[in-house]
C-alpha atoms as a PDB file:
ATOM      1  CA  UNK A   1       9.292   6.634  33.233  1.00  0.00           C
ATOM      2  CA  UNK A   2      12.177   5.210  31.217  1.00  0.00           C
ATOM      3  CA  UNK A   3      10.505   6.189  27.968  1.00  0.00           C
ATOM      4  CA  UNK A   4       9.913   9.710  29.291  1.00  0.00           C
ATOM      5  CA  UNK A   5      13.593   9.882  30.227  1.00  0.00           C
ATOM      6  CA  UNK A   6      14.617   8.735  26.741  1.00  0.00           C
ATOM      7  CA  UNK A   7      12.326  11.302  25.131  1.00  0.00           C
ATOM      8  CA  UNK A   8      13.732  14.067  27.339  1.00  0.00           C
ATOM      9  CA  UNK A   9      17.222  12.944  26.379  1.00  0.00           C
ATOM     10  CA  UNK A  10      16.403  13.105  22.663  1.00  0.00           C
ATOM     11  CA  UNK A  11      14.913  16.585  23.022  1.00  0.00           C
ATOM     12  CA  UNK A  12      18.031  17.734  24.863  1.00  0.00           C
ATOM     13  CA  UNK A  13      20.272  16.194  22.207  1.00  0.00           C
ATOM     14  CA  UNK A  14      18.256  17.858  19.437  1.00  0.00           C
ATOM     15  CA  UNK A  15      18.489  21.257  21.119  1.00  0.00           C
ATOM     16  CA  UNK A  16      22.231  20.833  21.573  1.00  0.00           C
ATOM     17  CA  UNK A  17      22.635  19.818  17.926  1.00  0.00           C
ATOM     18  CA  UNK A  18      20.681  22.861  16.741  1.00  0.00           C
ATOM     19  CA  UNK A  19      22.524  25.319  18.978  1.00  0.00           C
ATOM     20  CA  UNK A  20      26.037  23.917  19.234  1.00  0.00           C
ATOM     21  CA  UNK A  21      26.320  20.807  17.074  1.00  0.00           C
ATOM     22  CA  UNK A  22      28.219  20.362  13.796  1.00  0.00           C
ATOM     23  CA  UNK A  23      26.609  21.291  10.505  1.00  0.00           C
ATOM     24  CA  UNK A  24      25.102  18.717   8.177  1.00  0.00           C
ATOM     25  CA  UNK A  25      28.136  18.519   5.908  1.00  0.00           C
ATOM     26  CA  UNK A  26      30.400  17.765   8.864  1.00  0.00           C
ATOM     27  CA  UNK A  27      28.131  14.953  10.038  1.00  0.00           C
ATOM     28  CA  UNK A  28      27.968  13.487   6.530  1.00  0.00           C
ATOM     29  CA  UNK A  29      31.750  13.683   6.245  1.00  0.00           C
ATOM     30  CA  UNK A  30      32.190  11.896   9.588  1.00  0.00           C
ATOM     31  CA  UNK A  31      29.712   9.234   8.502  1.00  0.00           C
ATOM     32  CA  UNK A  32      31.650   8.624   5.305  1.00  0.00           C
ATOM     33  CA  UNK A  33      34.964   8.401   7.168  1.00  0.00           C
ATOM     34  CA  UNK A  34      33.729   6.333  10.121  1.00  0.00           C
ATOM     35  CA  UNK A  35      32.414   3.461   8.005  1.00  0.00           C
ATOM     36  CA  UNK A  36      31.159   0.576  10.127  1.00  0.00           C
ATOM     37  CA  UNK A  37      31.242   2.664  13.311  1.00  0.00           C
ATOM     38  CA  UNK A  38      28.809   5.166  11.794  1.00  0.00           C
ATOM     39  CA  UNK A  39      26.451   2.336  10.831  1.00  0.00           C
ATOM     40  CA  UNK A  40      26.545   0.921  14.370  1.00  0.00           C
ATOM     41  CA  UNK A  41      25.898   4.356  15.888  1.00  0.00           C
ATOM     42  CA  UNK A  42      22.931   4.825  13.548  1.00  0.00           C
ATOM     43  CA  UNK A  43      21.455   1.427  14.437  1.00  0.00           C
ATOM     44  CA  UNK A  44      21.825   2.076  18.159  1.00  0.00           C
ATOM     45  CA  UNK A  45      20.326   5.550  17.829  1.00  0.00           C
ATOM     46  CA  UNK A  46      17.462   4.198  15.696  1.00  0.00           C
ATOM     47  CA  UNK A  47      16.611   1.471  18.196  1.00  0.00           C
ATOM     48  CA  UNK A  48      16.653   3.824  21.185  1.00  0.00           C
ATOM     49  CA  UNK A  49      14.829   6.608  19.357  1.00  0.00           C
ATOM     50  CA  UNK A  50      11.859   4.381  18.532  1.00  0.00           C
ATOM     51  CA  UNK A  51      11.502   3.556  22.237  1.00  0.00           C
ATOM     52  CA  UNK A  52      11.365   7.313  22.886  1.00  0.00           C
ATOM     53  CA  UNK A  53       8.526   7.687  20.351  1.00  0.00           C
ATOM     54  CA  UNK A  54      10.660   9.436  17.723  1.00  0.00           C
ATOM     55  CA  UNK A  55       8.803   8.972  14.370  1.00  0.00           C
ATOM     56  CA  UNK A  56      10.312   6.208  12.256  1.00  0.00           C
ATOM     57  CA  UNK A  57       9.903   8.116   8.951  1.00  0.00           C
ATOM     58  CA  UNK A  58      12.341  10.741  10.270  1.00  0.00           C
ATOM     59  CA  UNK A  59      14.838   8.027  11.202  1.00  0.00           C
ATOM     60  CA  UNK A  60      14.479   6.414   7.778  1.00  0.00           C
ATOM     61  CA  UNK A  61      15.024   9.762   6.075  1.00  0.00           C
ATOM     62  CA  UNK A  62      18.190  10.175   8.146  1.00  0.00           C
ATOM     63  CA  UNK A  63      19.384   6.821   6.811  1.00  0.00           C
ATOM     64  CA  UNK A  64      19.150   8.104   3.253  1.00  0.00           C
ATOM     65  CA  UNK A  65      20.676  11.452   4.182  1.00  0.00           C
ATOM     66  CA  UNK A  66      23.788   9.971   5.774  1.00  0.00           C
ATOM     67  CA  UNK A  67      24.305   6.648   3.987  1.00  0.00           C
ATOM     68  CA  UNK A  68      22.783   6.969   0.533  1.00  0.00           C
ATOM     69  CA  UNK A  69      20.093   4.843  -1.064  1.00  0.00           C
ATOM     70  CA  UNK A  70      21.355   1.248  -0.933  1.00  0.00           C
ATOM     71  CA  UNK A  71      23.093   1.327   2.452  1.00  0.00           C
ATOM     72  CA  UNK A  72      20.382   3.610   3.829  1.00  0.00           C
ATOM     73  CA  UNK A  73      17.606   1.147   2.988  1.00  0.00           C
ATOM     74  CA  UNK A  74      19.523  -1.772   4.503  1.00  0.00           C
ATOM     75  CA  UNK A  75      20.413   0.079   7.707  1.00  0.00           C
ATOM     76  CA  UNK A  76      16.980   1.652   8.156  1.00  0.00           C
ATOM     77  CA  UNK A  77      15.327  -1.718   7.655  1.00  0.00           C
ATOM     78  CA  UNK A  78      17.655  -3.387  10.172  1.00  0.00           C
ATOM     79  CA  UNK A  79      17.051  -0.550  12.622  1.00  0.00           C
ATOM     80  CA  UNK A  80      13.293  -0.924  12.300  1.00  0.00           C
ATOM     81  CA  UNK A  81      13.483  -4.688  12.858  1.00  0.00           C
ATOM     82  CA  UNK A  82      15.753  -4.276  15.902  1.00  0.00           C
ATOM     83  CA  UNK A  83      13.439  -1.676  17.427  1.00  0.00           C
ATOM     84  CA  UNK A  84      10.444  -3.942  16.815  1.00  0.00           C
ATOM     85  CA  UNK A  85      12.207  -6.901  18.421  1.00  0.00           C
ATOM     86  CA  UNK A  86      13.023  -4.821  21.503  1.00  0.00           C
ATOM     87  CA  UNK A  87       9.351  -3.953  22.000  1.00  0.00           C
ATOM     88  CA  UNK A  88       8.277  -7.516  21.169  1.00  0.00           C
ATOM     89  CA  UNK A  89      10.685  -8.801  23.853  1.00  0.00           C
ATOM     90  CA  UNK A  90       9.604  -6.210  26.416  1.00  0.00           C
ATOM     91  CA  UNK A  91       5.972  -7.238  25.969  1.00  0.00           C
ATOM     92  CA  UNK A  92       6.774 -10.943  26.259  1.00  0.00           C
ATOM     93  CA  UNK A  93       9.287 -11.027  29.109  1.00  0.00           C
ATOM     94  CA  UNK A  94       9.342  -7.690  30.954  1.00  0.00           C
ATOM     95  CA  UNK A  95       6.089  -5.734  31.057  1.00  0.00           C
ATOM     96  CA  UNK A  96       3.506  -8.118  29.662  1.00  0.00           C
ATOM     97  CA  UNK A  97       0.922  -7.649  32.423  1.00  0.00           C
ATOM     98  CA  UNK A  98       1.054  -3.857  32.276  1.00  0.00           C
ATOM     99  CA  UNK A  99       0.828  -3.820  28.477  1.00  0.00           C
ATOM    100  CA  UNK A 100      -1.991  -6.368  28.445  1.00  0.00           C
ATOM    101  CA  UNK A 101      -4.088  -4.065  30.607  1.00  0.00           C
ATOM    102  CA  UNK A 102      -3.628  -1.224  28.120  1.00  0.00           C
ATOM    103  CA  UNK A 103      -4.251  -3.227  24.961  1.00  0.00           C
ATOM    104  CA  UNK A 104      -7.972  -3.958  24.414  1.00  0.00           C
ATOM    105  CA  UNK A 105      -8.867  -7.604  24.957  1.00  0.00           C
ATOM    106  CA  UNK A 106     -10.505  -7.883  21.526  1.00  0.00           C
ATOM    107  CA  UNK A 107      -7.216  -6.774  19.932  1.00  0.00           C
ATOM    108  CA  UNK A 108      -5.225  -9.358  21.910  1.00  0.00           C
ATOM    109  CA  UNK A 109      -7.720 -12.080  21.003  1.00  0.00           C
ATOM    110  CA  UNK A 110      -7.597 -11.137  17.335  1.00  0.00           C
ATOM    111  CA  UNK A 111      -3.778 -11.149  17.288  1.00  0.00           C
ATOM    112  CA  UNK A 112      -3.646 -14.486  19.065  1.00  0.00           C
ATOM    113  CA  UNK A 113      -5.872 -15.909  16.354  1.00  0.00           C
ATOM    114  CA  UNK A 114      -3.321 -14.868  13.731  1.00  0.00           C
ATOM    115  CA  UNK A 115      -0.382 -16.745  15.208  1.00  0.00           C
ATOM    116  CA  UNK A 116      -1.073 -20.166  13.706  1.00  0.00           C
ATOM    117  CA  UNK A 117      -0.368 -21.128  10.094  1.00  0.00           C
ATOM    118  CA  UNK A 118      -1.057 -17.559   9.037  1.00  0.00           C
ATOM    119  CA  UNK A 119       1.529 -16.010  11.403  1.00  0.00           C
ATOM    120  CA  UNK A 120       4.057 -14.755   8.854  1.00  0.00           C
ATOM    121  CA  UNK A 121       1.394 -13.492   6.462  1.00  0.00           C
ATOM    122  CA  UNK A 122      -0.397 -11.730   9.317  1.00  0.00           C
ATOM    123  CA  UNK A 123       2.720  -9.811  10.338  1.00  0.00           C
ATOM    124  CA  UNK A 124       3.402  -8.808   6.725  1.00  0.00           C
ATOM    125  CA  UNK A 125      -0.190  -7.617   6.294  1.00  0.00           C
ATOM    126  CA  UNK A 126      -0.177  -5.506   9.447  1.00  0.00           C
ATOM    127  CA  UNK A 127       3.142  -3.913   8.479  1.00  0.00           C
ATOM    128  CA  UNK A 128       1.787  -3.039   5.035  1.00  0.00           C
ATOM    129  CA  UNK A 129      -1.261  -1.207   6.382  1.00  0.00           C
ATOM    130  CA  UNK A 130      -0.030   2.364   7.030  1.00  0.00           C
ATOM    131  CA  UNK A 131      -2.720   3.347   9.557  1.00  0.00           C
ATOM    132  CA  UNK A 132      -1.942   0.564  12.044  1.00  0.00           C
ATOM    133  CA  UNK A 133       0.502   1.849  14.697  1.00  0.00           C
ATOM    134  CA  UNK A 134       3.931   0.239  14.482  1.00  0.00           C
ATOM    135  CA  UNK A 135       4.340  -0.055  18.247  1.00  0.00           C
ATOM    136  CA  UNK A 136       0.904  -1.606  18.775  1.00  0.00           C
ATOM    137  CA  UNK A 137       1.858  -4.442  16.433  1.00  0.00           C
ATOM    138  CA  UNK A 138       5.164  -4.986  18.265  1.00  0.00           C
ATOM    139  CA  UNK A 139       3.687  -5.037  21.745  1.00  0.00           C
ATOM    140  CA  UNK A 140       0.551  -6.866  20.644  1.00  0.00           C
ATOM    141  CA  UNK A 141       2.366  -9.795  19.057  1.00  0.00           C
ATOM    142  CA  UNK A 142       4.719  -9.925  22.029  1.00  0.00           C
ATOM    143  CA  UNK A 143       1.693 -10.779  24.176  1.00  0.00           C
ATOM    144  CA  UNK A 144       0.811 -13.748  21.958  1.00  0.00           C
ATOM    145  CA  UNK A 145       2.488 -17.084  21.307  1.00  0.00           C
ATOM    146  CA  UNK A 146       4.007 -15.925  18.009  1.00  0.00           C
ATOM    147  CA  UNK A 147       7.599 -17.118  17.560  1.00  0.00           C
ATOM    148  CA  UNK A 148      10.322 -14.462  17.004  1.00  0.00           C
ATOM    149  CA  UNK A 149      11.294 -15.888  13.592  1.00  0.00           C
ATOM    150  CA  UNK A 150       8.039 -15.175  11.714  1.00  0.00           C
ATOM    151  CA  UNK A 151       7.731 -11.855  13.527  1.00  0.00           C
ATOM    152  CA  UNK A 152      11.217 -10.765  12.417  1.00  0.00           C
ATOM    153  CA  UNK A 153      10.833 -11.896   8.807  1.00  0.00           C
ATOM    154  CA  UNK A 154       7.319 -10.479   8.502  1.00  0.00           C
ATOM    155  CA  UNK A 155       8.463  -7.147   9.916  1.00  0.00           C
ATOM    156  CA  UNK A 156      11.349  -6.931   7.449  1.00  0.00           C
ATOM    157  CA  UNK A 157       9.225  -7.841   4.404  1.00  0.00           C
ATOM    158  CA  UNK A 158       6.230  -5.712   5.329  1.00  0.00           C
ATOM    159  CA  UNK A 159       8.271  -2.667   6.349  1.00  0.00           C
ATOM    160  CA  UNK A 160      10.485  -2.603   3.253  1.00  0.00           C
ATOM    161  CA  UNK A 161       8.301  -0.490   0.894  1.00  0.00           C
ATOM    162  CA  UNK A 162       7.594   2.354   3.325  1.00  0.00           C
ATOM    163  CA  UNK A 163      11.164   2.317   4.648  1.00  0.00           C
ATOM    164  CA  UNK A 164      12.631   2.537   1.150  1.00  0.00           C
ATOM    165  CA  UNK A 165      10.260   5.390   0.244  1.00  0.00           C
ATOM    166  CA  UNK A 166      11.467   7.484   3.194  1.00  0.00           C
ATOM    167  CA  UNK A 167      15.128   6.696   2.506  1.00  0.00           C
ATOM    168  CA  UNK A 168      14.602   7.968  -1.044  1.00  0.00           C
ATOM    169  CA  UNK A 169      13.386  11.262   0.446  1.00  0.00           C
ATOM    170  CA  UNK A 170      16.568  11.436   2.524  1.00  0.00           C
ATOM    171  CA  UNK A 171      18.718  11.059  -0.587  1.00  0.00           C
ATOM    172  CA  UNK A 172      17.001  14.057  -2.150  1.00  0.00           C
ATOM    173  CA  UNK A 173      14.578  12.073  -4.261  1.00  0.00           C
ATOM    174  CA  UNK A 174      10.862  12.586  -4.750  1.00  0.00           C
ATOM    175  CA  UNK A 175       8.483  11.966  -1.842  1.00  0.00           C
ATOM    176  CA  UNK A 176       6.731   8.660  -2.595  1.00  0.00           C
ATOM    177  CA  UNK A 177       5.049   8.405   0.801  1.00  0.00           C
ATOM    178  CA  UNK A 178       1.414   8.656  -0.328  1.00  0.00           C
ATOM    179  CA  UNK A 179       1.680   6.416  -3.416  1.00  0.00           C
ATOM    180  CA  UNK A 180       3.546   3.792  -1.377  1.00  0.00           C
ATOM    181  CA  UNK A 181       0.932   3.976   1.402  1.00  0.00           C
ATOM    182  CA  UNK A 182      -1.853   3.386  -1.134  1.00  0.00           C
ATOM    183  CA  UNK A 183       0.072   0.551  -2.802  1.00  0.00           C
ATOM    184  CA  UNK A 184       0.931  -1.213   0.454  1.00  0.00           C
ATOM    185  CA  UNK A 185      -2.639  -0.886   1.692  1.00  0.00           C
ATOM    186  CA  UNK A 186      -3.874  -2.453  -1.550  1.00  0.00           C
ATOM    187  CA  UNK A 187      -1.285  -5.241  -1.227  1.00  0.00           C
ATOM    188  CA  UNK A 188      -2.470  -5.981   2.309  1.00  0.00           C
ATOM    189  CA  UNK A 189      -6.061  -6.177   1.068  1.00  0.00           C
ATOM    190  CA  UNK A 190      -5.075  -8.559  -1.742  1.00  0.00           C
ATOM    191  CA  UNK A 191      -3.212 -10.785   0.713  1.00  0.00           C
ATOM    192  CA  UNK A 192      -6.287 -10.882   2.939  1.00  0.00           C
ATOM    193  CA  UNK A 193      -8.495 -11.748  -0.040  1.00  0.00           C
ATOM    194  CA  UNK A 194      -6.112 -14.504  -1.173  1.00  0.00           C
ATOM    195  CA  UNK A 195      -6.050 -16.017   2.305  1.00  0.00           C
ATOM    196  CA  UNK A 196      -9.852 -15.855   2.581  1.00  0.00           C
ATOM    197  CA  UNK A 197     -10.285 -17.611  -0.771  1.00  0.00           C
ATOM    198  CA  UNK A 198      -7.785 -20.280   0.235  1.00  0.00           C
ATOM    199  CA  UNK A 199      -9.493 -20.823   3.582  1.00  0.00           C
ATOM    200  CA  UNK A 200     -12.892 -21.032   1.898  1.00  0.00           C
ATOM    201  CA  UNK A 201     -11.602 -23.608  -0.592  1.00  0.00           C
ATOM    202  CA  UNK A 202     -10.089 -25.662   2.253  1.00  0.00           C
ATOM    203  CA  UNK A 203     -13.398 -25.647   4.144  1.00  0.00           C
ATOM    204  CA  UNK A 204     -15.253 -26.835   1.042  1.00  0.00           C
ATOM    205  CA  UNK A 205     -12.808 -29.713   0.592  1.00  0.00           C
ATOM    206  CA  UNK A 206     -13.200 -30.719   4.242  1.00  0.00           C
ATOM    207  CA  UNK A 207     -17.002 -30.699   3.955  1.00  0.00           C
ATOM    208  CA  UNK A 208     -16.788 -32.764   0.741  1.00  0.00           C
ATOM    209  CA  UNK A 209     -14.616 -35.393   2.454  1.00  0.00           C
ATOM    210  CA  UNK A 210     -16.994 -35.485   5.448  1.00  0.00           C
END
């Protein structure tokens, strides 16, 4: 219900902005003049908007539109990490039972198996794969024993390429969405291959010592 209320609020705000709100130049001018306040408003709006199912690419584009390339990447990345941590925390401490019933058991088991030595790498990999839903990763890891530190760092590292690509679009640059998606998917596959080879080598050494 609270997510439905947030979504309704965003739709109402969007309609008001289209019909009665200031034009784009006025918003950009206020952002430039407001400084730190504008950044805080953006981060708060980003975090709440993700909970209301607003697409993150649109929020990242807005970062580039209002703050430019460098500041836009930093703020969009922070916003994405904050939103992820909110959902991670909700799954762990607030609505874990309800979310566990909706997430398939095989998915929960698989995620739990990734929270050992491979925890940080696993988060980075899942963030790099563009077809894996962002929110499923947040809620899923919140249901496991993964510590917040690796989750936060892995989210920041794995989300950086796609976030930067959308911020570039917001600054008026070329759309790099598809090339970045292909590149990040390939990077995730290479990480998986490297980990598999390392694990295989470790098993061989253990058998040799036995």
